[in-house]
Each structure stands twice: as structure tokens, then as C-alpha cells.
Amino acid sequence: MTKRRQARELVLRALYAHEILPRDVEEIFGDLTDESGVAGDHLQFARRYVDLVLKNVQLLDREIAVLAENWDIERIALIDKLILRMALCEIHYMPDIPEKVAINEAIDLAKEYSTLESSAFVNGILDAALTRSRRASDPEE
């Protein structure tokens, strides 16, 4: 497993814990960091990543709601919603990460932490996000 993958898993665990525990995200992140094995630049990446997701959670959720046509965002499993938030955050706010990498990592996280059906769902939502983004940037399409 790559260090970047370990950092993403740390981010997912921190976001999940933040959703279910009434504790400060810094405290949660600190507790999880000790056992994660993530350090140095990868730890800084993970910390920045958590902050970006939390800072933009409302925008990310609105986008998920639009992309998940005929699917109420409240019915999306928490882990799948967190993975989608993470991937969309990478796509929109982390230009150094290629879109395809963000999508592949999200699919892999869904396979590992959710279900096979979830990985297909995550893939479909993120593919729709890329299609929508490309249409917006190329008005002649």
C-alpha cells in the first residue's frame, strides 16, 4: 500500500469519526494519526485534505445531491458519502492530483470499506461529475 493511500485512509477514518463522535476534528485526527503510520509530507497532505473537505462540505454535498439523480442524499450510506466528498474535493480543490487518480482511489476505498455495489455507485457519481465538468468548460459540446 502506498503512503498516499494510507493518508487517504487516515482522512476517511478521521472524517467518519468526526461524523459520529462529538469531538473536535483535530483531537480525532491526532488520535488516529498515532496508529496510522502516516508521517511527514503525507501527514501534512492528510491534514490539509481533512480541512478542505470540512471547509467545503456543504458545496460537496450539494454537488452529490445533484449528481445522484433520483437518490436522496440522506439515503446514501455515510461511508459512500464521505468517499464521494473526498473524491470531489480532490477533483475540485487539489489540482496536483489527476482526476482519474481521484476516481480510482475513491473506487478502491469503496471496495475496501463499503460494498461492491458501492464502488459502482461511487464510480457512476464521479463519472457524472467529470462529464458535467467537461460540459461546463466546453460550451460547444
C-alpha atoms as a PDB file:
ATOM      1  CA  MET A   1       0.000   0.000   0.000  1.00  0.00           C
ATOM      2  CA  THR A   2       1.351   3.412  -0.937  1.00  0.00           C
ATOM      3  CA  LYS A   3       1.869   6.175   1.593  1.00  0.00           C
ATOM      4  CA  ARG A   4      -0.661   8.324  -0.285  1.00  0.00           C
ATOM      5  CA  ARG A   5      -3.242   5.530   0.049  1.00  0.00           C
ATOM      6  CA  GLN A   6      -2.514   5.300   3.781  1.00  0.00           C
ATOM      7  CA  ALA A   7      -3.043   9.066   4.006  1.00  0.00           C
ATOM      8  CA  ARG A   8      -6.397   8.781   2.219  1.00  0.00           C
ATOM      9  CA  GLU A   9      -7.465   6.019   4.584  1.00  0.00           C
ATOM     10  CA  LEU A  10      -6.500   8.242   7.522  1.00  0.00           C
ATOM     11  CA  VAL A  11      -8.620  11.034   6.028  1.00  0.00           C
ATOM     12  CA  LEU A  12     -11.579   8.678   5.591  1.00  0.00           C
ATOM     13  CA  ARG A  13     -11.296   7.416   9.168  1.00  0.00           C
ATOM     14  CA  ALA A  14     -10.978  10.966  10.529  1.00  0.00           C
ATOM     15  CA  LEU A  15     -13.998  12.189   8.571  1.00  0.00           C
ATOM     16  CA  TYR A  16     -16.038   9.164   9.641  1.00  0.00           C
ATOM     17  CA  ALA A  17     -15.131   9.626  13.300  1.00  0.00           C
ATOM     18  CA  HIS A  18     -15.921  13.341  13.039  1.00  0.00           C
ATOM     19  CA  GLU A  19     -19.403  12.485  11.741  1.00  0.00           C
ATOM     20  CA  ILE A  20     -20.233  10.031  14.518  1.00  0.00           C
ATOM     21  CA  LEU A  21     -18.347  11.419  17.529  1.00  0.00           C
ATOM     22  CA  PRO A  22     -18.990  14.760  19.200  1.00  0.00           C
ATOM     23  CA  ARG A  23     -15.267  15.608  19.323  1.00  0.00           C
ATOM     24  CA  ASP A  24     -13.024  18.199  17.742  1.00  0.00           C
ATOM     25  CA  VAL A  25     -11.620  17.048  14.411  1.00  0.00           C
ATOM     26  CA  GLU A  26      -8.065  17.945  15.495  1.00  0.00           C
ATOM     27  CA  GLU A  27      -8.381  15.686  18.518  1.00  0.00           C
ATOM     28  CA  ILE A  28      -9.777  12.867  16.382  1.00  0.00           C
ATOM     29  CA  PHE A  29      -7.082  13.365  13.778  1.00  0.00           C
ATOM     30  CA  GLY A  30      -4.379  13.283  16.448  1.00  0.00           C
ATOM     31  CA  ASP A  31      -5.701  10.053  17.931  1.00  0.00           C
ATOM     32  CA  LEU A  32      -5.893   8.355  14.538  1.00  0.00           C
ATOM     33  CA  THR A  33      -2.516   9.635  13.382  1.00  0.00           C
ATOM     34  CA  ASP A  34      -0.644   7.740  16.081  1.00  0.00           C
ATOM     35  CA  GLU A  35      -1.907   4.375  14.842  1.00  0.00           C
ATOM     36  CA  SER A  36      -1.954   5.136  11.102  1.00  0.00           C
ATOM     37  CA  GLY A  37       1.764   5.099  10.338  1.00  0.00           C
ATOM     38  CA  VAL A  38       1.304   8.240   8.231  1.00  0.00           C
ATOM     39  CA  ALA A  39       4.048  10.815   8.760  1.00  0.00           C
ATOM     40  CA  GLY A  40       5.896  13.731   7.179  1.00  0.00           C
ATOM     41  CA  ASP A  41       4.583  15.104   3.894  1.00  0.00           C
ATOM     42  CA  HIS A  42       1.841  12.502   3.766  1.00  0.00           C
ATOM     43  CA  LEU A  43       0.584  13.552   7.173  1.00  0.00           C
ATOM     44  CA  GLN A  44       0.518  17.187   6.030  1.00  0.00           C
ATOM     45  CA  PHE A  45      -1.371  16.058   2.907  1.00  0.00           C
ATOM     46  CA  ALA A  46      -3.931  14.231   5.071  1.00  0.00           C
ATOM     47  CA  ARG A  47      -4.394  17.165   7.446  1.00  0.00           C
ATOM     48  CA  ARG A  48      -4.879  19.611   4.558  1.00  0.00           C
ATOM     49  CA  TYR A  49      -7.250  17.145   2.902  1.00  0.00           C
ATOM     50  CA  VAL A  50      -9.451  16.822   6.016  1.00  0.00           C
ATOM     51  CA  ASP A  51      -9.570  20.602   6.329  1.00  0.00           C
ATOM     52  CA  LEU A  52     -10.548  21.044   2.664  1.00  0.00           C
ATOM     53  CA  VAL A  53     -13.354  18.503   2.885  1.00  0.00           C
ATOM     54  CA  LEU A  54     -14.765  20.001   6.076  1.00  0.00           C
ATOM     55  CA  LYS A  55     -14.450  23.566   4.771  1.00  0.00           C
ATOM     56  CA  ASN A  56     -16.368  22.659   1.599  1.00  0.00           C
ATOM     57  CA  VAL A  57     -18.774  20.012   2.904  1.00  0.00           C
ATOM     58  CA  GLN A  58     -21.928  21.959   2.010  1.00  0.00           C
ATOM     59  CA  LEU A  59     -20.794  22.576  -1.576  1.00  0.00           C
ATOM     60  CA  LEU A  60     -19.687  18.975  -1.947  1.00  0.00           C
ATOM     61  CA  ASP A  61     -22.988  17.655  -0.599  1.00  0.00           C
ATOM     62  CA  ARG A  62     -24.961  19.900  -2.936  1.00  0.00           C
ATOM     63  CA  GLU A  63     -22.986  18.533  -5.851  1.00  0.00           C
ATOM     64  CA  ILE A  64     -23.528  14.950  -4.696  1.00  0.00           C
ATOM     65  CA  ALA A  65     -27.271  15.633  -4.401  1.00  0.00           C
ATOM     66  CA  VAL A  66     -27.383  16.957  -7.975  1.00  0.00           C
ATOM     67  CA  LEU A  67     -25.290  14.106  -9.366  1.00  0.00           C
ATOM     68  CA  ALA A  68     -27.180  11.373  -7.537  1.00  0.00           C
ATOM     69  CA  GLU A  69     -30.310  11.845  -9.614  1.00  0.00           C
ATOM     70  CA  ASN A  70     -33.397  10.226  -8.106  1.00  0.00           C
ATOM     71  CA  TRP A  71     -31.437   9.393  -4.953  1.00  0.00           C
ATOM     72  CA  ASP A  72     -31.955  11.341  -1.742  1.00  0.00           C
ATOM     73  CA  ILE A  73     -28.553  12.278  -0.319  1.00  0.00           C
ATOM     74  CA  GLU A  74     -29.786  11.307   3.156  1.00  0.00           C
ATOM     75  CA  ARG A  75     -30.215   7.736   1.904  1.00  0.00           C
ATOM     76  CA  ILE A  76     -26.619   7.442   0.713  1.00  0.00           C
ATOM     77  CA  ALA A  77     -24.554   5.378   3.141  1.00  0.00           C
ATOM     78  CA  LEU A  78     -22.304   7.579   5.266  1.00  0.00           C
ATOM     79  CA  ILE A  79     -19.094   5.880   4.146  1.00  0.00           C
ATOM     80  CA  ASP A  80     -20.068   6.292   0.478  1.00  0.00           C
ATOM     81  CA  LYS A  81     -20.937   9.950   1.024  1.00  0.00           C
ATOM     82  CA  LEU A  82     -17.575  10.533   2.697  1.00  0.00           C
ATOM     83  CA  ILE A  83     -15.729   8.835  -0.162  1.00  0.00           C
ATOM     84  CA  LEU A  84     -17.633  10.960  -2.678  1.00  0.00           C
ATOM     85  CA  ARG A  85     -16.838  14.121  -0.713  1.00  0.00           C
ATOM     86  CA  MET A  86     -13.178  13.168  -0.701  1.00  0.00           C
ATOM     87  CA  ALA A  87     -13.001  12.447  -4.422  1.00  0.00           C
ATOM     88  CA  LEU A  88     -14.890  15.590  -5.391  1.00  0.00           C
ATOM     89  CA  CYS A  89     -12.632  17.572  -3.085  1.00  0.00           C
ATOM     90  CA  GLU A  90      -9.586  16.146  -4.878  1.00  0.00           C
ATOM     91  CA  ILE A  91     -11.095  16.915  -8.271  1.00  0.00           C
ATOM     92  CA  HIS A  92     -12.090  20.497  -7.422  1.00  0.00           C
ATOM     93  CA  TYR A  93      -9.548  21.685  -4.879  1.00  0.00           C
ATOM     94  CA  MET A  94      -6.393  19.611  -5.397  1.00  0.00           C
ATOM     95  CA  PRO A  95      -5.224  20.330  -8.942  1.00  0.00           C
ATOM     96  CA  ASP A  96      -1.988  18.392  -8.457  1.00  0.00           C
ATOM     97  CA  ILE A  97      -3.999  15.141  -8.322  1.00  0.00           C
ATOM     98  CA  PRO A  98      -5.207  13.868 -11.709  1.00  0.00           C
ATOM     99  CA  GLU A  99      -8.977  13.347 -11.892  1.00  0.00           C
ATOM    100  CA  LYS A 100      -8.569   9.705 -12.871  1.00  0.00           C
ATOM    101  CA  VAL A 101      -6.388   9.087  -9.818  1.00  0.00           C
ATOM    102  CA  ALA A 102      -9.014  10.675  -7.564  1.00  0.00           C
ATOM    103  CA  ILE A 103     -11.708   8.454  -9.080  1.00  0.00           C
ATOM    104  CA  ASN A 104      -9.646   5.257  -8.932  1.00  0.00           C
ATOM    105  CA  GLU A 105      -8.704   5.908  -5.318  1.00  0.00           C
ATOM    106  CA  ALA A 106     -12.352   6.541  -4.415  1.00  0.00           C
ATOM    107  CA  ILE A 107     -13.436   3.307  -6.089  1.00  0.00           C
ATOM    108  CA  ASP A 108     -10.719   1.382  -4.250  1.00  0.00           C
ATOM    109  CA  LEU A 109     -11.755   2.931  -0.920  1.00  0.00           C
ATOM    110  CA  ALA A 110     -15.379   1.987  -1.610  1.00  0.00           C
ATOM    111  CA  LYS A 111     -14.354  -1.602  -2.393  1.00  0.00           C
ATOM    112  CA  GLU A 112     -12.312  -1.801   0.799  1.00  0.00           C
ATOM    113  CA  TYR A 113     -14.625  -0.005   3.221  1.00  0.00           C
ATOM    114  CA  SER A 114     -18.074  -0.433   1.715  1.00  0.00           C
ATOM    115  CA  THR A 115     -19.586  -2.876  -0.778  1.00  0.00           C
ATOM    116  CA  LEU A 116     -19.010  -3.853  -4.393  1.00  0.00           C
ATOM    117  CA  GLU A 117     -22.289  -2.152  -5.223  1.00  0.00           C
ATOM    118  CA  SER A 118     -20.984   0.979  -3.548  1.00  0.00           C
ATOM    119  CA  SER A 119     -17.895   1.028  -5.732  1.00  0.00           C
ATOM    120  CA  ALA A 120     -20.101   1.011  -8.842  1.00  0.00           C
ATOM    121  CA  PHE A 121     -22.286   3.760  -7.336  1.00  0.00           C
ATOM    122  CA  VAL A 122     -19.226   5.893  -6.482  1.00  0.00           C
ATOM    123  CA  ASN A 123     -17.837   5.338  -9.979  1.00  0.00           C
ATOM    124  CA  GLY A 124     -21.127   6.405 -11.578  1.00  0.00           C
ATOM    125  CA  ILE A 125     -21.428   9.573  -9.495  1.00  0.00           C
ATOM    126  CA  LEU A 126     -17.832  10.607 -10.148  1.00  0.00           C
ATOM    127  CA  ASP A 127     -18.100   9.841 -13.859  1.00  0.00           C
ATOM    128  CA  ALA A 128     -21.188  12.078 -13.964  1.00  0.00           C
ATOM    129  CA  ALA A 129     -19.199  14.794 -12.157  1.00  0.00           C
ATOM    130  CA  LEU A 130     -16.438  14.668 -14.771  1.00  0.00           C
ATOM    131  CA  THR A 131     -18.921  14.677 -17.643  1.00  0.00           C
ATOM    132  CA  ARG A 132     -20.720  17.671 -16.120  1.00  0.00           C
ATOM    133  CA  SER A 133     -17.444  19.488 -15.510  1.00  0.00           C
ATOM    134  CA  ARG A 134     -16.256  18.925 -19.074  1.00  0.00           C
ATOM    135  CA  ARG A 135     -19.539  20.206 -20.484  1.00  0.00           C
ATOM    136  CA  ALA A 136     -19.295  23.323 -18.346  1.00  0.00           C
ATOM    137  CA  SER A 137     -15.753  24.019 -19.514  1.00  0.00           C
ATOM    138  CA  ASP A 138     -16.510  23.291 -23.205  1.00  0.00           C
ATOM    139  CA  PRO A 139     -19.727  25.164 -24.094  1.00  0.00           C
ATOM    140  CA  GLU A 140     -19.650  23.892 -27.702  1.00  0.00           C
ATOM    141  CA  GLU A 141     -20.151  20.318 -26.601  1.00  0.00           C
END
